[in-house]
C-alpha atoms as a PDB file:
ATOM      1  CA  MET A   1       0.000   0.000   0.000  1.00  0.00           C
ATOM      2  CA  PRO A   2       1.480   3.416  -0.937  1.00  0.00           C
ATOM      3  CA  SER A   3       2.691   5.573   1.935  1.00  0.00           C
ATOM      4  CA  THR A   4       1.145   8.953   2.716  1.00  0.00           C
ATOM      5  CA  ARG A   5       4.214  10.691   1.192  1.00  0.00           C
ATOM      6  CA  SER A   6       3.896   8.615  -2.004  1.00  0.00           C
ATOM      7  CA  ARG A   7       0.197   9.387  -2.292  1.00  0.00           C
ATOM      8  CA  SER A   8       0.901  13.104  -1.851  1.00  0.00           C
ATOM      9  CA  ALA A   9       3.575  13.015  -4.530  1.00  0.00           C
ATOM     10  CA  LEU A  10       1.248  11.233  -6.929  1.00  0.00           C
ATOM     11  CA  THR A  11      -1.469  13.769  -6.204  1.00  0.00           C
ATOM     12  CA  VAL A  12       0.905  16.661  -6.976  1.00  0.00           C
ATOM     13  CA  LEU A  13       2.105  14.990 -10.171  1.00  0.00           C
ATOM     14  CA  GLY A  14      -1.463  14.321 -11.237  1.00  0.00           C
ATOM     15  CA  THR A  15      -2.450  17.931 -10.581  1.00  0.00           C
ATOM     16  CA  VAL A  16       0.541  19.271 -12.527  1.00  0.00           C
ATOM     17  CA  GLY A  17      -0.225  16.919 -15.388  1.00  0.00           C
ATOM     18  CA  ALA A  18      -3.871  17.973 -15.466  1.00  0.00           C
ATOM     19  CA  VAL A  19      -2.956  21.658 -15.440  1.00  0.00           C
ATOM     20  CA  GLY A  20      -0.435  21.093 -18.237  1.00  0.00           C
ATOM     21  CA  ALA A  21      -2.976  19.180 -20.304  1.00  0.00           C
ATOM     22  CA  ALA A  22      -5.599  21.894 -19.793  1.00  0.00           C
ATOM     23  CA  ALA A  23      -3.091  24.608 -20.770  1.00  0.00           C
ATOM     24  CA  SER A  24      -2.186  22.683 -23.914  1.00  0.00           C
ATOM     25  CA  VAL A  25      -5.829  22.287 -24.895  1.00  0.00           C
ATOM     26  CA  TRP A  26      -6.428  25.995 -24.290  1.00  0.00           C
ATOM     27  CA  GLY A  27      -3.381  27.125 -26.248  1.00  0.00           C
ATOM     28  CA  ILE A  28      -3.864  24.769 -29.183  1.00  0.00           C
ATOM     29  CA  ALA A  29      -7.635  24.500 -29.532  1.00  0.00           C
ATOM     30  CA  ILE A  30      -8.914  27.833 -28.200  1.00  0.00           C
ATOM     31  CA  GLU A  31      -6.591  30.796 -27.692  1.00  0.00           C
ATOM     32  CA  ARG A  32      -4.921  30.735 -31.092  1.00  0.00           C
ATOM     33  CA  TYR A  33      -8.348  31.564 -32.535  1.00  0.00           C
ATOM     34  CA  LEU A  34      -9.143  34.394 -30.064  1.00  0.00           C
ATOM     35  CA  PHE A  35      -8.133  37.242 -32.350  1.00  0.00           C
ATOM     36  CA  THR A  36      -8.072  40.668 -30.738  1.00  0.00           C
ATOM     37  CA  VAL A  37      -7.392  44.307 -31.595  1.00  0.00           C
ATOM     38  CA  ARG A  38      -5.176  46.408 -29.361  1.00  0.00           C
ATOM     39  CA  PHE A  39      -5.908  50.139 -29.432  1.00  0.00           C
ATOM     40  CA  HIS A  40      -3.386  52.859 -28.596  1.00  0.00           C
ATOM     41  CA  GLU A  41      -3.229  56.645 -28.865  1.00  0.00           C
ATOM     42  CA  VAL A  42       0.206  58.049 -29.711  1.00  0.00           C
ATOM     43  CA  PRO A  43       1.001  61.813 -29.678  1.00  0.00           C
ATOM     44  CA  VAL A  44       3.547  62.195 -32.490  1.00  0.00           C
ATOM     45  CA  LEU A  45       1.919  64.484 -35.063  1.00  0.00           C
ATOM     46  CA  PRO A  46       2.521  68.213 -35.548  1.00  0.00           C
ATOM     47  CA  ALA A  47       0.179  70.641 -33.811  1.00  0.00           C
ATOM     48  CA  GLY A  48      -3.129  71.005 -35.614  1.00  0.00           C
ATOM     49  CA  ALA A  49      -2.745  67.804 -37.651  1.00  0.00           C
ATOM     50  CA  THR A  50      -5.703  65.537 -38.284  1.00  0.00           C
ATOM     51  CA  PRO A  51      -5.487  62.268 -36.289  1.00  0.00           C
ATOM     52  CA  LEU A  52      -4.159  59.349 -38.312  1.00  0.00           C
ATOM     53  CA  ARG A  53      -5.478  55.810 -37.706  1.00  0.00           C
ATOM     54  CA  VAL A  54      -2.784  53.188 -38.375  1.00  0.00           C
ATOM     55  CA  LEU A  55      -3.598  49.486 -38.668  1.00  0.00           C
ATOM     56  CA  HIS A  56      -0.493  47.434 -37.810  1.00  0.00           C
ATOM     57  CA  LEU A  57      -0.531  43.860 -39.155  1.00  0.00           C
ATOM     58  CA  SER A  58       2.230  41.318 -38.678  1.00  0.00           C
ATOM     59  CA  ASP A  59       3.134  37.639 -38.781  1.00  0.00           C
ATOM     60  CA  ALA A  60       0.007  36.266 -40.416  1.00  0.00           C
ATOM     61  CA  HIS A  61       1.939  33.080 -41.342  1.00  0.00           C
ATOM     62  CA  MET A  62      -0.993  32.355 -43.624  1.00  0.00           C
ATOM     63  CA  ALA A  63      -1.949  28.893 -44.809  1.00  0.00           C
ATOM     64  CA  PRO A  64      -4.794  28.490 -47.310  1.00  0.00           C
ATOM     65  CA  TRP A  65      -7.053  26.505 -44.943  1.00  0.00           C
ATOM     66  CA  GLN A  66      -7.008  29.131 -42.152  1.00  0.00           C
ATOM     67  CA  HIS A  67     -10.423  30.575 -43.004  1.00  0.00           C
ATOM     68  CA  ARG A  68     -11.250  31.939 -39.546  1.00  0.00           C
ATOM     69  CA  LYS A  69      -8.088  34.036 -39.570  1.00  0.00           C
ATOM     70  CA  GLN A  70      -8.753  35.210 -43.111  1.00  0.00           C
ATOM     71  CA  GLN A  71     -12.284  36.298 -42.283  1.00  0.00           C
ATOM     72  CA  TRP A  72     -11.204  38.109 -39.122  1.00  0.00           C
ATOM     73  CA  ILE A  73      -8.457  40.050 -40.915  1.00  0.00           C
ATOM     74  CA  ALA A  74     -10.826  40.939 -43.756  1.00  0.00           C
ATOM     75  CA  ALA A  75     -13.280  42.407 -41.234  1.00  0.00           C
ATOM     76  CA  LEU A  76     -10.607  44.836 -39.998  1.00  0.00           C
ATOM     77  CA  ALA A  77     -11.469  47.009 -42.997  1.00  0.00           C
ATOM     78  CA  GLU A  78     -14.554  48.040 -41.005  1.00  0.00           C
ATOM     79  CA  LEU A  79     -12.231  49.946 -38.639  1.00  0.00           C
ATOM     80  CA  GLN A  80     -11.568  52.357 -41.533  1.00  0.00           C
ATOM     81  CA  PRO A  81      -7.800  52.752 -41.091  1.00  0.00           C
ATOM     82  CA  ASP A  82      -6.023  55.612 -42.861  1.00  0.00           C
ATOM     83  CA  LEU A  83      -2.722  53.729 -43.183  1.00  0.00           C
ATOM     84  CA  ILE A  84      -1.642  50.091 -42.987  1.00  0.00           C
ATOM     85  CA  VAL A  85       1.783  49.015 -41.723  1.00  0.00           C
ATOM     86  CA  ASN A  86       2.616  45.379 -42.471  1.00  0.00           C
ATOM     87  CA  THR A  87       5.747  44.080 -40.727  1.00  0.00           C
ATOM     88  CA  GLY A  88       6.143  40.817 -42.608  1.00  0.00           C
ATOM     89  CA  ASP A  89       6.025  37.029 -42.293  1.00  0.00           C
ATOM     90  CA  ASN A  90       2.784  37.038 -44.244  1.00  0.00           C
ATOM     91  CA  MET A  91       3.253  33.560 -45.688  1.00  0.00           C
ATOM     92  CA  GLY A  92       3.081  30.299 -43.754  1.00  0.00           C
ATOM     93  CA  HIS A  93       2.682  27.840 -46.618  1.00  0.00           C
ATOM     94  CA  VAL A  94       3.660  27.562 -50.287  1.00  0.00           C
ATOM     95  CA  ASP A  95       0.019  28.324 -51.180  1.00  0.00           C
ATOM     96  CA  GLY A  96      -0.341  31.024 -48.534  1.00  0.00           C
ATOM     97  CA  LEU A  97      -0.960  33.809 -51.045  1.00  0.00           C
ATOM     98  CA  ARG A  98      -4.418  32.390 -51.761  1.00  0.00           C
ATOM     99  CA  GLY A  99      -5.315  32.872 -48.106  1.00  0.00           C
ATOM    100  CA  LEU A 100      -3.743  36.329 -48.017  1.00  0.00           C
ATOM    101  CA  ARG A 101      -5.923  37.455 -50.888  1.00  0.00           C
ATOM    102  CA  ALA A 102      -9.034  36.479 -48.954  1.00  0.00           C
ATOM    103  CA  ALA A 103      -7.709  38.325 -45.883  1.00  0.00           C
ATOM    104  CA  PHE A 104      -6.258  41.478 -47.454  1.00  0.00           C
ATOM    105  CA  ASP A 105      -8.513  42.159 -50.460  1.00  0.00           C
ATOM    106  CA  PRO A 106     -10.963  44.273 -48.394  1.00  0.00           C
ATOM    107  CA  LEU A 107      -8.009  46.556 -47.518  1.00  0.00           C
ATOM    108  CA  ARG A 108      -7.412  47.359 -51.182  1.00  0.00           C
ATOM    109  CA  GLY A 109      -7.026  51.073 -51.819  1.00  0.00           C
ATOM    110  CA  ILE A 110      -5.942  51.966 -48.282  1.00  0.00           C
ATOM    111  CA  PRO A 111      -2.387  53.391 -48.312  1.00  0.00           C
ATOM    112  CA  GLY A 112       0.132  51.004 -46.829  1.00  0.00           C
ATOM    113  CA  VAL A 113       3.753  49.964 -46.426  1.00  0.00           C
ATOM    114  CA  PHE A 114       5.398  46.578 -45.890  1.00  0.00           C
ATOM    115  CA  VAL A 115       8.681  44.786 -45.232  1.00  0.00           C
ATOM    116  CA  HIS A 116       9.669  41.140 -45.416  1.00  0.00           C
ATOM    117  CA  GLY A 117      10.201  38.514 -42.779  1.00  0.00           C
ATOM    118  CA  SER A 118      12.030  35.321 -43.641  1.00  0.00           C
ATOM    119  CA  ASN A 119       8.703  33.515 -44.133  1.00  0.00           C
ATOM    120  CA  ASP A 120       7.960  35.803 -47.053  1.00  0.00           C
ATOM    121  CA  HIS A 121      10.848  34.049 -48.812  1.00  0.00           C
ATOM    122  CA  ALA A 122      10.868  30.507 -47.437  1.00  0.00           C
ATOM    123  CA  ALA A 123       8.213  28.200 -46.011  1.00  0.00           C
ATOM    124  CA  PRO A 124       8.464  27.241 -42.331  1.00  0.00           C
ATOM    125  CA  SER A 125      10.077  23.959 -41.364  1.00  0.00           C
ATOM    126  CA  PRO A 126       9.768  21.736 -38.277  1.00  0.00           C
ATOM    127  CA  ARG A 127      12.033  22.699 -35.385  1.00  0.00           C
ATOM    128  CA  ASN A 128      12.437  22.029 -31.678  1.00  0.00           C
ATOM    129  CA  PRO A 129      10.613  24.868 -29.865  1.00  0.00           C
ATOM    130  CA  PHE A 130      12.827  24.507 -26.786  1.00  0.00           C
ATOM    131  CA  LYS A 131      15.816  25.716 -28.826  1.00  0.00           C
ATOM    132  CA  TYR A 132      14.327  29.223 -28.724  1.00  0.00           C
ATOM    133  CA  PHE A 133      15.453  29.354 -25.083  1.00  0.00           C
ATOM    134  CA  THR A 134      19.090  29.127 -26.219  1.00  0.00           C
ATOM    135  CA  GLY A 135      18.861  32.349 -28.248  1.00  0.00           C
ATOM    136  CA  PRO A 136      17.500  33.574 -31.601  1.00  0.00           C
ATOM    137  CA  SER A 137      16.778  30.691 -33.959  1.00  0.00           C
ATOM    138  CA  LYS A 138      19.131  29.681 -36.775  1.00  0.00           C
ATOM    139  CA  VAL A 139      18.436  28.100 -40.151  1.00  0.00           C
ATOM    140  CA  LYS A 140      20.152  24.708 -40.458  1.00  0.00           C
ATOM    141  CA  ASN A 141      18.283  23.129 -43.343  1.00  0.00           C
ATOM    142  CA  GLU A 142      17.356  24.264 -46.844  1.00  0.00           C
ATOM    143  CA  PRO A 143      13.798  25.651 -46.596  1.00  0.00           C
ATOM    144  CA  GLU A 144      11.209  25.370 -49.336  1.00  0.00           C
ATOM    145  CA  PRO A 145      11.281  28.607 -51.376  1.00  0.00           C
ATOM    146  CA  LEU A 146       8.147  30.741 -51.707  1.00  0.00           C
ATOM    147  CA  ASP A 147       7.025  32.883 -54.629  1.00  0.00           C
ATOM    148  CA  THR A 148       8.123  36.190 -53.136  1.00  0.00           C
ATOM    149  CA  ASP A 149       7.714  37.985 -56.463  1.00  0.00           C
ATOM    150  CA  ALA A 150       4.042  36.998 -56.593  1.00  0.00           C
ATOM    151  CA  LEU A 151       3.557  38.175 -53.004  1.00  0.00           C
ATOM    152  CA  ASP A 152       5.243  41.511 -53.690  1.00  0.00           C
ATOM    153  CA  GLY A 153       3.274  41.947 -56.900  1.00  0.00           C
ATOM    154  CA  TYR A 154       0.052  41.498 -54.968  1.00  0.00           C
ATOM    155  CA  LEU A 155       1.042  43.885 -52.167  1.00  0.00           C
ATOM    156  CA  THR A 156       2.372  46.612 -54.473  1.00  0.00           C
ATOM    157  CA  ASP A 157       0.428  46.379 -57.741  1.00  0.00           C
ATOM    158  CA  GLU A 158      -2.939  45.232 -56.422  1.00  0.00           C
ATOM    159  CA  LEU A 159      -3.102  46.675 -52.898  1.00  0.00           C
ATOM    160  CA  GLY A 160      -0.954  49.708 -53.685  1.00  0.00           C
ATOM    161  CA  TRP A 161       1.398  49.375 -50.705  1.00  0.00           C
ATOM    162  CA  LEU A 162       5.001  50.653 -50.645  1.00  0.00           C
ATOM    163  CA  ASP A 163       7.853  48.140 -50.497  1.00  0.00           C
ATOM    164  CA  LEU A 164      10.244  49.365 -47.761  1.00  0.00           C
ATOM    165  CA  ASN A 165      12.751  46.508 -47.821  1.00  0.00           C
ATOM    166  CA  ASN A 166      16.023  48.434 -47.387  1.00  0.00           C
ATOM    167  CA  ALA A 167      14.231  51.315 -49.047  1.00  0.00           C
ATOM    168  CA  VAL A 168      12.502  54.634 -48.480  1.00  0.00           C
ATOM    169  CA  GLY A 169       9.219  55.991 -49.747  1.00  0.00           C
ATOM    170  CA  SER A 170       6.498  58.546 -49.135  1.00  0.00           C
ATOM    171  CA  LEU A 171       2.722  58.606 -49.335  1.00  0.00           C
ATOM    172  CA  ASP A 172      -0.316  60.640 -48.382  1.00  0.00           C
ATOM    173  CA  ALA A 173      -2.868  59.577 -45.761  1.00  0.00           C
ATOM    174  CA  ALA A 174      -5.497  61.573 -43.855  1.00  0.00           C
ATOM    175  CA  GLY A 175      -4.153  64.797 -45.338  1.00  0.00           C
ATOM    176  CA  LEU A 176      -0.626  64.133 -44.081  1.00  0.00           C
ATOM    177  CA  ARG A 177       2.577  63.605 -46.042  1.00  0.00           C
ATOM    178  CA  ILE A 178       4.273  60.559 -44.558  1.00  0.00           C
ATOM    179  CA  ALA A 179       7.901  59.608 -45.111  1.00  0.00           C
ATOM    180  CA  ALA A 180       8.795  55.996 -44.442  1.00  0.00           C
ATOM    181  CA  PHE A 181      11.890  53.836 -44.420  1.00  0.00           C
ATOM    182  CA  GLY A 182      12.487  50.208 -43.580  1.00  0.00           C
ATOM    183  CA  VAL A 183      14.706  47.155 -43.728  1.00  0.00           C
ATOM    184  CA  SER A 184      14.299  43.538 -44.732  1.00  0.00           C
ATOM    185  CA  ASP A 185      14.470  40.806 -42.103  1.00  0.00           C
ATOM    186  CA  ALA A 186      17.183  41.651 -39.576  1.00  0.00           C
ATOM    187  CA  HIS A 187      16.838  38.160 -38.080  1.00  0.00           C
ATOM    188  CA  ARG A 188      18.390  36.809 -41.272  1.00  0.00           C
ATOM    189  CA  HIS A 189      20.833  39.741 -41.493  1.00  0.00           C
ATOM    190  CA  TRP A 190      19.102  41.016 -44.620  1.00  0.00           C
ATOM    191  CA  ASP A 191      18.917  44.535 -43.194  1.00  0.00           C
ATOM    192  CA  ASP A 192      21.109  47.064 -45.021  1.00  0.00           C
ATOM    193  CA  LEU A 193      21.366  49.817 -42.440  1.00  0.00           C
ATOM    194  CA  ASP A 194      24.360  51.349 -44.211  1.00  0.00           C
ATOM    195  CA  ALA A 195      22.223  52.197 -47.243  1.00  0.00           C
ATOM    196  CA  LEU A 196      19.466  54.014 -45.376  1.00  0.00           C
ATOM    197  CA  PRO A 197      21.169  57.280 -44.316  1.00  0.00           C
ATOM    198  CA  GLY A 198      21.915  58.283 -47.896  1.00  0.00           C
ATOM    199  CA  LEU A 199      18.449  57.321 -49.091  1.00  0.00           C
ATOM    200  CA  VAL A 200      16.781  59.223 -46.249  1.00  0.00           C
ATOM    201  CA  ALA A 201      18.926  62.310 -46.897  1.00  0.00           C
ATOM    202  CA  GLU A 202      17.993  62.284 -50.585  1.00  0.00           C
ATOM    203  CA  GLN A 203      14.320  61.987 -49.736  1.00  0.00           C
ATOM    204  CA  ARG A 204      14.440  64.886 -47.274  1.00  0.00           C
ATOM    205  CA  ALA A 205      16.164  67.035 -49.871  1.00  0.00           C
ATOM    206  CA  ARG A 206      13.223  66.449 -52.217  1.00  0.00           C
ATOM    207  CA  GLU A 207      10.276  66.928 -49.877  1.00  0.00           C
ATOM    208  CA  THR A 208       9.112  67.762 -46.370  1.00  0.00           C
ATOM    209  CA  ALA A 209       7.037  65.274 -44.408  1.00  0.00           C
ATOM    210  CA  ASP A 210       4.567  65.689 -41.545  1.00  0.00           C
ATOM    211  CA  LEU A 211       5.486  62.282 -40.116  1.00  0.00           C
ATOM    212  CA  THR A 212       8.376  59.828 -40.495  1.00  0.00           C
ATOM    213  CA  ILE A 213       7.989  56.148 -39.659  1.00  0.00           C
ATOM    214  CA  GLY A 214      10.511  53.302 -39.475  1.00  0.00           C
ATOM    215  CA  VAL A 215       9.397  49.755 -40.312  1.00  0.00           C
ATOM    216  CA  THR A 216      11.182  46.481 -39.540  1.00  0.00           C
ATOM    217  CA  HIS A 217      10.169  42.865 -39.229  1.00  0.00           C
ATOM    218  CA  ALA A 218      12.599  41.838 -36.476  1.00  0.00           C
ATOM    219  CA  PRO A 219      13.097  44.586 -33.850  1.00  0.00           C
ATOM    220  CA  TYR A 220      16.785  44.051 -33.157  1.00  0.00           C
ATOM    221  CA  ARG A 221      18.486  46.740 -31.079  1.00  0.00           C
ATOM    222  CA  ARG A 222      20.819  47.737 -33.913  1.00  0.00           C
ATOM    223  CA  VAL A 223      17.824  48.443 -36.133  1.00  0.00           C
ATOM    224  CA  LEU A 224      15.886  50.368 -33.498  1.00  0.00           C
ATOM    225  CA  ASP A 225      18.941  52.477 -32.652  1.00  0.00           C
ATOM    226  CA  ALA A 226      19.506  53.287 -36.318  1.00  0.00           C
ATOM    227  CA  PHE A 227      15.847  54.193 -36.852  1.00  0.00           C
ATOM    228  CA  VAL A 228      15.904  56.609 -33.916  1.00  0.00           C
ATOM    229  CA  ASP A 229      19.088  58.192 -35.281  1.00  0.00           C
ATOM    230  CA  LEU A 230      17.495  58.542 -38.732  1.00  0.00           C
ATOM    231  CA  GLY A 231      14.674  60.604 -37.279  1.00  0.00           C
ATOM    232  CA  ALA A 232      11.746  58.201 -37.116  1.00  0.00           C
ATOM    233  CA  ASP A 233       8.779  59.638 -35.227  1.00  0.00           C
ATOM    234  CA  ALA A 234       7.391  56.134 -34.644  1.00  0.00           C
ATOM    235  CA  ILE A 235       8.752  52.610 -35.174  1.00  0.00           C
ATOM    236  CA  PHE A 236       6.845  49.432 -36.043  1.00  0.00           C
ATOM    237  CA  GLY A 237       8.066  45.837 -35.665  1.00  0.00           C
ATOM    238  CA  GLY A 238       6.852  42.264 -35.443  1.00  0.00           C
ATOM    239  CA  HIS A 239       8.630  38.865 -35.448  1.00  0.00           C
ATOM    240  CA  THR A 240       8.493  38.146 -31.695  1.00  0.00           C
ATOM    241  CA  HIS A 241       4.930  36.727 -31.626  1.00  0.00           C
ATOM    242  CA  GLY A 242       4.884  38.440 -28.225  1.00  0.00           C
ATOM    243  CA  GLY A 243       6.691  35.365 -26.953  1.00  0.00           C
ATOM    244  CA  GLN A 244       3.839  33.209 -28.336  1.00  0.00           C
ATOM    245  CA  VAL A 245       3.691  31.431 -24.982  1.00  0.00           C
ATOM    246  CA  ARG A 246       3.689  33.857 -22.045  1.00  0.00           C
ATOM    247  CA  VAL A 247       3.584  33.283 -18.300  1.00  0.00           C
ATOM    248  CA  PRO A 248       0.696  35.202 -16.694  1.00  0.00           C
ATOM    249  CA  GLY A 249       2.087  37.867 -14.399  1.00  0.00           C
ATOM    250  CA  PHE A 250       5.565  37.593 -15.931  1.00  0.00           C
ATOM    251  CA  GLY A 251       5.232  37.917 -19.689  1.00  0.00           C
ATOM    252  CA  ALA A 252       7.343  36.612 -22.548  1.00  0.00           C
ATOM    253  CA  LEU A 253       9.991  33.967 -21.917  1.00  0.00           C
ATOM    254  CA  VAL A 254      11.639  34.444 -25.322  1.00  0.00           C
ATOM    255  CA  ALA A 255      11.597  37.095 -28.052  1.00  0.00           C
ATOM    256  CA  ASN A 256      13.714  35.372 -30.739  1.00  0.00           C
ATOM    257  CA  CYS A 257      15.812  38.532 -31.017  1.00  0.00           C
ATOM    258  CA  ASP A 258      17.735  40.808 -28.657  1.00  0.00           C
ATOM    259  CA  ILE A 259      14.931  43.214 -27.747  1.00  0.00           C
ATOM    260  CA  PRO A 260      14.241  43.312 -23.978  1.00  0.00           C
ATOM    261  CA  LEU A 261      11.548  40.784 -23.107  1.00  0.00           C
ATOM    262  CA  LYS A 262       9.332  43.430 -21.534  1.00  0.00           C
ATOM    263  CA  GLN A 263       9.136  45.091 -24.978  1.00  0.00           C
ATOM    264  CA  ALA A 264       8.417  41.904 -26.928  1.00  0.00           C
ATOM    265  CA  ARG A 265       4.767  42.916 -27.313  1.00  0.00           C
ATOM    266  CA  GLY A 266       2.809  46.139 -27.443  1.00  0.00           C
ATOM    267  CA  LEU A 267       3.478  49.849 -27.317  1.00  0.00           C
ATOM    268  CA  SER A 268       6.602  51.061 -25.523  1.00  0.00           C
ATOM    269  CA  GLU A 269       9.412  53.547 -26.134  1.00  0.00           C
ATOM    270  CA  TRP A 270      12.892  53.173 -27.553  1.00  0.00           C
ATOM    271  CA  THR A 271      15.655  55.595 -26.544  1.00  0.00           C
ATOM    272  CA  HIS A 272      19.030  56.069 -28.198  1.00  0.00           C
ATOM    273  CA  LEU A 273      21.517  58.908 -27.734  1.00  0.00           C
ATOM    274  CA  GLY A 274      19.015  60.967 -25.782  1.00  0.00           C
ATOM    275  CA  ARG A 275      16.131  60.682 -28.261  1.00  0.00           C
ATOM    276  CA  THR A 276      12.990  58.667 -27.424  1.00  0.00           C
ATOM    277  CA  VAL A 277      10.534  57.297 -29.987  1.00  0.00           C
ATOM    278  CA  PRO A 278       7.290  55.279 -29.652  1.00  0.00           C
ATOM    279  CA  LEU A 279       7.789  51.622 -30.592  1.00  0.00           C
ATOM    280  CA  ASN A 280       4.955  49.218 -31.366  1.00  0.00           C
ATOM    281  CA  VAL A 281       5.848  45.530 -31.565  1.00  0.00           C
ATOM    282  CA  SER A 282       2.941  43.421 -32.755  1.00  0.00           C
ATOM    283  CA  ALA A 283       2.477  39.988 -31.225  1.00  0.00           C
ATOM    284  CA  GLY A 284       1.222  38.943 -34.643  1.00  0.00           C
ATOM    285  CA  LEU A 285      -1.760  37.197 -36.120  1.00  0.00           C
ATOM    286  CA  GLY A 286      -0.540  33.643 -36.473  1.00  0.00           C
ATOM    287  CA  HIS A 287       2.001  30.965 -35.770  1.00  0.00           C
ATOM    288  CA  SER A 288       4.056  28.428 -37.642  1.00  0.00           C
ATOM    289  CA  ILE A 289       1.962  25.498 -38.874  1.00  0.00           C
ATOM    290  CA  TYR A 290       4.495  23.350 -36.983  1.00  0.00           C
ATOM    291  CA  ALA A 291       3.827  25.135 -33.661  1.00  0.00           C
ATOM    292  CA  PRO A 292       0.048  25.668 -33.578  1.00  0.00           C
ATOM    293  CA  VAL A 293      -0.236  27.150 -30.105  1.00  0.00           C
ATOM    294  CA  ARG A 294      -0.567  30.502 -28.350  1.00  0.00           C
ATOM    295  CA  PHE A 295      -0.866  30.822 -24.589  1.00  0.00           C
ATOM    296  CA  ALA A 296      -1.555  34.053 -22.648  1.00  0.00           C
ATOM    297  CA  CYS A 297      -0.750  35.811 -25.919  1.00  0.00           C
ATOM    298  CA  ARG A 298      -3.749  36.162 -28.197  1.00  0.00           C
ATOM    299  CA  PRO A 299      -3.218  36.687 -31.935  1.00  0.00           C
ATOM    300  CA  GLU A 300      -3.608  40.374 -32.575  1.00  0.00           C
ATOM    301  CA  ALA A 301      -3.691  43.416 -34.780  1.00  0.00           C
ATOM    302  CA  SER A 302      -2.973  46.906 -33.471  1.00  0.00           C
ATOM    303  CA  VAL A 303      -4.762  50.162 -34.190  1.00  0.00           C
ATOM    304  CA  LEU A 304      -2.686  53.192 -33.287  1.00  0.00           C
ATOM    305  CA  THR A 305      -4.386  56.571 -33.488  1.00  0.00           C
ATOM    306  CA  LEU A 306      -1.619  59.101 -34.022  1.00  0.00           C
ATOM    307  CA  VAL A 307      -2.564  62.514 -32.648  1.00  0.00           C
ATOM    308  CA  PRO A 308      -0.791  65.887 -32.300  1.00  0.00           C
ATOM    309  CA  ARG A 309       1.855  66.250 -29.641  1.00  0.00           C
ATOM    310  CA  ALA A 310       0.764  68.052 -26.525  1.00  0.00           C
END
């Protein structure tokens, strides 16, 4: 007959196992479908400017069968954003563009900008999720290539969004002239920060903007520092999935880049050389098809209403 100590140990183990099983069911079967919108007000515009509503989308990791996600994203058009910022990793499958069309077509005609994540170039592959605790992930196998040209053609030619991969651009929204610059995926070292200062200087010599934004997929410190130095009034990033699995009361355990964990999701500030800029890091809309779970970190889009500075 088991001793009292043995029975207590078995009870504890059973309780822990039940809690773990319940958490797994919640994260896999429920929470990853609980899409939410996070709203923020950010005072960065010149005095007297009309408020600008920015819809920040990131990390859709779209597969063609993900109809609930497609329908939810499509309905975001009802929020009537003035500008869309897309921080990459749109694709999650070789046929992901079909799902993206269903999701993004209602946003057609709204001014927007985008940059790439690595999953806009290569399909995801199976990997051990515990390796994220050892530092930012590394590519060790040859991933299946995606049709990036078709994706970019859709985003630029059909939706009318600006490609900011190691590039600059400008557009009009809500009566404001907006200058924008961005980099390709810093997690894969595709960011060309050396090219941006010259491009930004040329743009400023041509025109004056009411607002300047910096856009990156992976919010590495080197990128955020450079964006602050280049005069961004606001910075947008994604990539982190907000940790994807968070501990209630603590937050993200990993960010898959070198940003501080407390800034792996949501609106915060980034300071470099005495200048401070609002930073919004989206926890993203999806997940890899090989890691279909989110816990204490709902899939999300962000709506930031930019208003005049006090």
